[in-house]
N, C-alpha and C. Protein backbone atom coordinates (compact mmCIF):
# COMPACT_ATOMS: atom_id res chain seq x y z
N GLN A 1 -69.22 77.25 -73.25
CA GLN A 1 -69.19 78.66 -72.88
C GLN A 1 -68.39 78.83 -71.59
N VAL A 2 -67.49 79.79 -71.57
CA VAL A 2 -66.68 80.06 -70.39
C VAL A 2 -67.56 80.68 -69.32
N GLN A 3 -67.43 80.19 -68.09
CA GLN A 3 -68.21 80.71 -66.99
C GLN A 3 -67.42 80.64 -65.70
N LEU A 4 -67.44 81.74 -64.95
CA LEU A 4 -66.82 81.81 -63.64
C LEU A 4 -67.90 82.10 -62.61
N VAL A 5 -67.97 81.30 -61.56
CA VAL A 5 -69.01 81.45 -60.55
C VAL A 5 -68.38 81.54 -59.18
N GLU A 6 -68.53 82.70 -58.53
CA GLU A 6 -68.01 82.91 -57.19
C GLU A 6 -69.04 82.47 -56.16
N SER A 7 -68.54 82.08 -54.99
CA SER A 7 -69.40 81.72 -53.88
C SER A 7 -68.64 81.90 -52.58
N GLY A 8 -69.37 81.89 -51.47
CA GLY A 8 -68.75 81.96 -50.16
C GLY A 8 -68.85 83.30 -49.46
N GLY A 9 -69.37 84.30 -50.13
CA GLY A 9 -69.49 85.61 -49.51
C GLY A 9 -70.57 85.63 -48.45
N GLY A 10 -70.55 86.70 -47.65
CA GLY A 10 -71.54 86.84 -46.60
C GLY A 10 -71.16 87.93 -45.63
N LEU A 11 -71.81 87.90 -44.48
CA LEU A 11 -71.57 88.88 -43.42
C LEU A 11 -70.61 88.30 -42.40
N VAL A 12 -69.59 89.07 -42.04
CA VAL A 12 -68.60 88.63 -41.07
C VAL A 12 -68.20 89.81 -40.20
N GLN A 13 -67.89 89.56 -38.96
CA GLN A 13 -67.46 90.63 -38.06
C GLN A 13 -66.00 90.98 -38.29
N ALA A 14 -65.62 92.19 -37.94
CA ALA A 14 -64.23 92.61 -38.05
C ALA A 14 -63.33 91.66 -37.28
N GLY A 15 -62.21 91.31 -37.90
CA GLY A 15 -61.29 90.36 -37.29
C GLY A 15 -61.59 88.92 -37.64
N GLY A 16 -62.72 88.68 -38.28
CA GLY A 16 -63.12 87.34 -38.65
C GLY A 16 -62.54 86.90 -39.98
N SER A 17 -63.01 85.74 -40.44
CA SER A 17 -62.48 85.15 -41.67
C SER A 17 -63.60 84.65 -42.56
N VAL A 18 -63.31 84.58 -43.84
CA VAL A 18 -64.23 84.01 -44.81
C VAL A 18 -63.42 83.45 -45.97
N ARG A 19 -63.93 82.41 -46.60
CA ARG A 19 -63.25 81.79 -47.73
C ARG A 19 -64.14 81.86 -48.96
N LEU A 20 -63.63 82.48 -50.01
CA LEU A 20 -64.34 82.57 -51.27
C LEU A 20 -63.86 81.49 -52.23
N SER A 21 -64.76 81.03 -53.08
CA SER A 21 -64.42 80.06 -54.11
C SER A 21 -64.85 80.59 -55.47
N CYS A 22 -64.13 80.19 -56.50
CA CYS A 22 -64.48 80.53 -57.87
C CYS A 22 -64.35 79.27 -58.71
N ALA A 23 -65.48 78.77 -59.17
CA ALA A 23 -65.50 77.59 -60.02
C ALA A 23 -65.48 78.03 -61.48
N ALA A 24 -64.50 77.54 -62.23
CA ALA A 24 -64.30 77.96 -63.61
C ALA A 24 -64.67 76.85 -64.59
N SER A 25 -65.63 77.12 -65.45
CA SER A 25 -65.95 76.22 -66.55
C SER A 25 -65.16 76.72 -67.75
N ILE A 26 -63.94 76.22 -67.87
CA ILE A 26 -63.01 76.74 -68.86
C ILE A 26 -62.03 75.65 -69.25
N GLY A 27 -61.66 75.63 -70.52
CA GLY A 27 -60.69 74.65 -70.99
C GLY A 27 -59.28 75.09 -70.69
N LEU A 28 -58.40 74.12 -70.49
CA LEU A 28 -56.99 74.39 -70.21
C LEU A 28 -56.84 75.38 -69.07
N PHE A 29 -57.53 75.11 -67.97
CA PHE A 29 -57.58 76.01 -66.82
C PHE A 29 -56.19 76.39 -66.33
N SER A 30 -55.26 75.43 -66.31
CA SER A 30 -53.93 75.70 -65.78
C SER A 30 -53.13 76.70 -66.60
N THR A 31 -53.54 76.97 -67.82
CA THR A 31 -52.84 77.92 -68.68
C THR A 31 -53.32 79.36 -68.47
N TYR A 32 -54.32 79.57 -67.63
CA TYR A 32 -54.85 80.90 -67.36
C TYR A 32 -54.30 81.45 -66.06
N THR A 33 -53.99 82.73 -66.08
CA THR A 33 -53.75 83.45 -64.84
C THR A 33 -55.12 83.77 -64.24
N MET A 34 -55.30 83.44 -62.98
CA MET A 34 -56.56 83.70 -62.28
C MET A 34 -56.35 84.80 -61.26
N ALA A 35 -57.37 85.59 -61.04
CA ALA A 35 -57.23 86.73 -60.14
C ALA A 35 -58.52 87.02 -59.40
N TRP A 36 -58.38 87.73 -58.29
CA TRP A 36 -59.49 88.27 -57.53
C TRP A 36 -59.42 89.79 -57.55
N PHE A 37 -60.55 90.40 -57.82
CA PHE A 37 -60.71 91.84 -57.74
C PHE A 37 -61.87 92.14 -56.81
N ARG A 38 -61.98 93.39 -56.40
CA ARG A 38 -63.12 93.77 -55.58
C ARG A 38 -63.54 95.20 -55.92
N ARG A 39 -64.80 95.49 -55.66
CA ARG A 39 -65.33 96.82 -55.89
C ARG A 39 -66.24 97.21 -54.72
N ALA A 40 -65.83 98.24 -54.02
CA ALA A 40 -66.64 98.78 -52.93
C ALA A 40 -67.62 99.80 -53.52
N PRO A 41 -68.74 100.04 -52.86
CA PRO A 41 -69.72 101.00 -53.36
C PRO A 41 -69.10 102.37 -53.61
N GLY A 42 -69.31 102.91 -54.82
CA GLY A 42 -68.79 104.21 -55.16
C GLY A 42 -67.31 104.26 -55.49
N LYS A 43 -66.64 103.11 -55.52
CA LYS A 43 -65.22 103.07 -55.81
C LYS A 43 -64.95 102.25 -57.07
N GLU A 44 -63.76 102.43 -57.62
CA GLU A 44 -63.38 101.68 -58.81
C GLU A 44 -62.95 100.28 -58.43
N ARG A 45 -62.93 99.41 -59.40
CA ARG A 45 -62.49 98.05 -59.19
C ARG A 45 -61.04 98.03 -58.75
N GLU A 46 -60.72 97.19 -57.78
CA GLU A 46 -59.40 97.13 -57.17
C GLU A 46 -58.84 95.71 -57.25
N PHE A 47 -57.58 95.61 -57.63
CA PHE A 47 -56.90 94.33 -57.66
C PHE A 47 -56.68 93.82 -56.24
N VAL A 48 -56.88 92.52 -56.04
CA VAL A 48 -56.70 91.91 -54.74
C VAL A 48 -55.57 90.89 -54.75
N ALA A 49 -55.63 89.93 -55.65
CA ALA A 49 -54.63 88.88 -55.71
C ALA A 49 -54.68 88.19 -57.06
N LYS A 50 -53.57 87.57 -57.47
CA LYS A 50 -53.56 86.79 -58.70
C LYS A 50 -52.66 85.59 -58.56
N SER A 51 -53.03 84.54 -59.25
CA SER A 51 -52.26 83.31 -59.30
C SER A 51 -51.87 83.08 -60.75
N MET A 52 -50.56 83.10 -61.02
CA MET A 52 -50.08 82.98 -62.39
C MET A 52 -50.31 81.58 -62.94
N ARG A 53 -50.33 81.49 -64.25
CA ARG A 53 -50.48 80.20 -64.91
C ARG A 53 -49.37 79.25 -64.47
N SER A 54 -49.51 77.98 -64.82
CA SER A 54 -48.59 76.93 -64.40
C SER A 54 -47.13 77.39 -64.42
N GLY A 55 -46.47 77.17 -63.30
CA GLY A 55 -45.08 77.55 -63.17
C GLY A 55 -44.88 78.93 -62.58
N GLY A 56 -45.98 79.66 -62.36
CA GLY A 56 -45.90 81.00 -61.83
C GLY A 56 -46.10 81.07 -60.33
N ASN A 57 -46.24 82.30 -59.84
CA ASN A 57 -46.38 82.56 -58.41
C ASN A 57 -47.70 83.27 -58.12
N THR A 58 -47.90 83.56 -56.85
CA THR A 58 -49.08 84.27 -56.39
C THR A 58 -48.67 85.63 -55.87
N TYR A 59 -49.46 86.66 -56.21
CA TYR A 59 -49.16 88.03 -55.82
C TYR A 59 -50.37 88.67 -55.17
N TYR A 60 -50.12 89.63 -54.28
CA TYR A 60 -51.19 90.27 -53.53
C TYR A 60 -51.03 91.79 -53.52
N ALA A 61 -52.16 92.46 -53.44
CA ALA A 61 -52.14 93.89 -53.22
C ALA A 61 -51.59 94.16 -51.82
N ASP A 62 -50.90 95.28 -51.66
CA ASP A 62 -50.32 95.62 -50.37
C ASP A 62 -51.39 95.69 -49.27
N SER A 63 -52.58 96.10 -49.63
CA SER A 63 -53.64 96.27 -48.66
C SER A 63 -54.12 94.97 -48.03
N VAL A 64 -53.85 93.84 -48.69
CA VAL A 64 -54.32 92.55 -48.19
C VAL A 64 -53.19 91.59 -47.87
N LYS A 65 -51.97 91.94 -48.23
CA LYS A 65 -50.83 91.05 -48.00
C LYS A 65 -50.69 90.73 -46.52
N GLY A 66 -50.52 89.45 -46.23
CA GLY A 66 -50.41 89.00 -44.86
C GLY A 66 -51.73 88.61 -44.25
N ARG A 67 -52.84 89.01 -44.88
CA ARG A 67 -54.17 88.69 -44.37
C ARG A 67 -54.93 87.74 -45.30
N PHE A 68 -54.75 87.91 -46.60
CA PHE A 68 -55.45 87.09 -47.59
C PHE A 68 -54.50 86.08 -48.20
N THR A 69 -55.02 84.91 -48.54
CA THR A 69 -54.25 83.88 -49.21
C THR A 69 -55.04 83.33 -50.39
N MET A 70 -54.46 83.40 -51.57
CA MET A 70 -55.10 82.85 -52.75
C MET A 70 -54.46 81.50 -53.09
N SER A 71 -55.28 80.57 -53.52
CA SER A 71 -54.79 79.27 -53.93
C SER A 71 -55.62 78.77 -55.11
N ARG A 72 -55.11 77.77 -55.81
CA ARG A 72 -55.86 77.21 -56.93
C ARG A 72 -55.69 75.71 -56.98
N ASP A 73 -56.73 75.05 -57.44
CA ASP A 73 -56.72 73.61 -57.63
C ASP A 73 -56.98 73.37 -59.11
N ASN A 74 -55.93 73.09 -59.85
CA ASN A 74 -56.06 72.92 -61.30
C ASN A 74 -56.83 71.66 -61.69
N ASN A 75 -56.89 70.70 -60.79
CA ASN A 75 -57.67 69.49 -61.06
C ASN A 75 -59.17 69.74 -60.92
N LYS A 76 -59.53 70.69 -60.07
CA LYS A 76 -60.94 71.03 -59.84
C LYS A 76 -61.37 72.28 -60.59
N ASN A 77 -60.44 72.91 -61.30
CA ASN A 77 -60.74 74.17 -62.01
C ASN A 77 -61.35 75.19 -61.06
N THR A 78 -60.75 75.32 -59.89
CA THR A 78 -61.28 76.19 -58.86
C THR A 78 -60.16 77.01 -58.22
N VAL A 79 -60.45 78.27 -57.92
CA VAL A 79 -59.54 79.10 -57.16
C VAL A 79 -60.23 79.54 -55.88
N TYR A 80 -59.44 79.87 -54.87
CA TYR A 80 -59.95 80.23 -53.57
C TYR A 80 -59.29 81.51 -53.08
N LEU A 81 -59.98 82.19 -52.19
CA LEU A 81 -59.43 83.35 -51.53
C LEU A 81 -59.78 83.24 -50.05
N GLN A 82 -58.79 82.90 -49.24
CA GLN A 82 -58.96 82.84 -47.80
C GLN A 82 -58.68 84.22 -47.23
N MET A 83 -59.66 84.81 -46.58
CA MET A 83 -59.54 86.17 -46.06
C MET A 83 -59.61 86.13 -44.54
N ASN A 84 -58.53 86.54 -43.90
CA ASN A 84 -58.43 86.56 -42.45
C ASN A 84 -58.25 87.99 -41.96
N SER A 85 -58.45 88.18 -40.67
CA SER A 85 -58.28 89.50 -40.04
C SER A 85 -59.01 90.57 -40.83
N LEU A 86 -60.25 90.31 -41.15
CA LEU A 86 -61.02 91.21 -42.00
C LEU A 86 -61.28 92.55 -41.33
N LYS A 87 -61.30 93.58 -42.15
CA LYS A 87 -61.55 94.94 -41.72
C LYS A 87 -62.79 95.47 -42.42
N PRO A 88 -63.45 96.47 -41.84
CA PRO A 88 -64.60 97.06 -42.53
C PRO A 88 -64.25 97.56 -43.93
N GLU A 89 -63.01 97.99 -44.15
CA GLU A 89 -62.57 98.46 -45.46
C GLU A 89 -62.56 97.35 -46.51
N ASP A 90 -62.63 96.10 -46.08
CA ASP A 90 -62.66 94.98 -47.01
C ASP A 90 -64.05 94.74 -47.58
N THR A 91 -65.05 95.44 -47.06
CA THR A 91 -66.41 95.28 -47.56
C THR A 91 -66.48 95.65 -49.03
N ALA A 92 -66.93 94.72 -49.86
CA ALA A 92 -66.98 94.93 -51.30
C ALA A 92 -67.61 93.72 -51.97
N VAL A 93 -67.89 93.87 -53.25
CA VAL A 93 -68.24 92.73 -54.09
C VAL A 93 -66.93 92.19 -54.64
N TYR A 94 -66.70 90.91 -54.45
CA TYR A 94 -65.46 90.27 -54.88
C TYR A 94 -65.71 89.50 -56.17
N TYR A 95 -64.83 89.73 -57.16
CA TYR A 95 -64.96 89.14 -58.48
C TYR A 95 -63.78 88.24 -58.81
N CYS A 96 -64.07 87.15 -59.47
CA CYS A 96 -63.07 86.25 -60.00
C CYS A 96 -62.85 86.58 -61.47
N ALA A 97 -61.60 86.54 -61.93
CA ALA A 97 -61.30 86.85 -63.32
C ALA A 97 -60.23 85.91 -63.86
N ALA A 98 -60.25 85.70 -65.17
CA ALA A 98 -59.29 84.82 -65.83
C ALA A 98 -58.65 85.54 -67.01
N ALA A 99 -57.33 85.41 -67.13
CA ALA A 99 -56.58 86.03 -68.21
C ALA A 99 -55.82 84.97 -68.99
N ARG A 100 -55.99 84.97 -70.30
CA ARG A 100 -55.25 84.03 -71.13
C ARG A 100 -53.99 84.63 -71.69
N ARG A 101 -53.94 85.95 -71.78
CA ARG A 101 -52.74 86.65 -72.23
C ARG A 101 -52.46 87.79 -71.26
N LEU A 102 -52.66 89.02 -71.70
CA LEU A 102 -52.36 90.18 -70.87
C LEU A 102 -53.60 90.77 -70.22
N ALA A 103 -54.75 90.56 -70.81
CA ALA A 103 -55.99 91.12 -70.29
C ALA A 103 -56.84 90.04 -69.63
N TYR A 104 -57.68 90.47 -68.69
CA TYR A 104 -58.63 89.56 -68.06
C TYR A 104 -59.85 89.44 -68.97
N ASP A 105 -59.98 88.30 -69.60
CA ASP A 105 -60.99 88.07 -70.62
C ASP A 105 -62.34 87.67 -70.05
N TYR A 106 -62.34 87.01 -68.91
CA TYR A 106 -63.56 86.46 -68.35
C TYR A 106 -63.73 86.86 -66.89
N TRP A 107 -64.98 87.15 -66.53
CA TRP A 107 -65.30 87.63 -65.19
C TRP A 107 -66.53 86.92 -64.65
N GLY A 108 -66.54 86.71 -63.34
CA GLY A 108 -67.72 86.19 -62.69
C GLY A 108 -68.68 87.32 -62.33
N GLN A 109 -69.81 86.96 -61.74
CA GLN A 109 -70.82 87.94 -61.36
C GLN A 109 -70.55 88.59 -60.01
N GLY A 110 -69.65 88.01 -59.24
CA GLY A 110 -69.28 88.59 -57.97
C GLY A 110 -70.04 88.01 -56.79
N THR A 111 -69.44 88.12 -55.61
CA THR A 111 -70.07 87.70 -54.37
C THR A 111 -69.81 88.77 -53.31
N GLN A 112 -70.85 89.12 -52.57
CA GLN A 112 -70.76 90.21 -51.60
C GLN A 112 -70.12 89.75 -50.31
N VAL A 113 -69.14 90.53 -49.83
CA VAL A 113 -68.54 90.33 -48.53
C VAL A 113 -68.76 91.61 -47.72
N THR A 114 -69.42 91.48 -46.59
CA THR A 114 -69.68 92.63 -45.73
C THR A 114 -69.03 92.40 -44.38
N VAL A 115 -68.18 93.32 -43.97
CA VAL A 115 -67.47 93.23 -42.70
C VAL A 115 -68.02 94.29 -41.76
N SER A 116 -68.59 93.86 -40.66
CA SER A 116 -69.18 94.77 -39.69
C SER A 116 -68.24 94.99 -38.52
N SER A 117 -68.38 96.14 -37.87
CA SER A 117 -67.55 96.47 -36.72
C SER A 117 -68.41 96.76 -35.50
């Protein structure tokens, strides 16, 4: 059974950093595009970053570019999201997702990140 499990969320002060992890129990991990999304209370789900399947690149939403860095370890079936210079607006539940074609087929349960000022 495919399973994505996020971890690393918590409370951090504005300007601080946190690193999220997503462990994927999935076959042929390197053939999936992996992504991070987030949802703040009362708002719709928002794209944060994605790492394309083998041979691809990494892309970021304009709101996080220069502050967040996504990486993946295909040997460990794990993706990461390093978040620096955090702002209160970054407060949200962060979700890991996997896409085998055009749609994100699998989602984790999310991990809460709260940025205080």
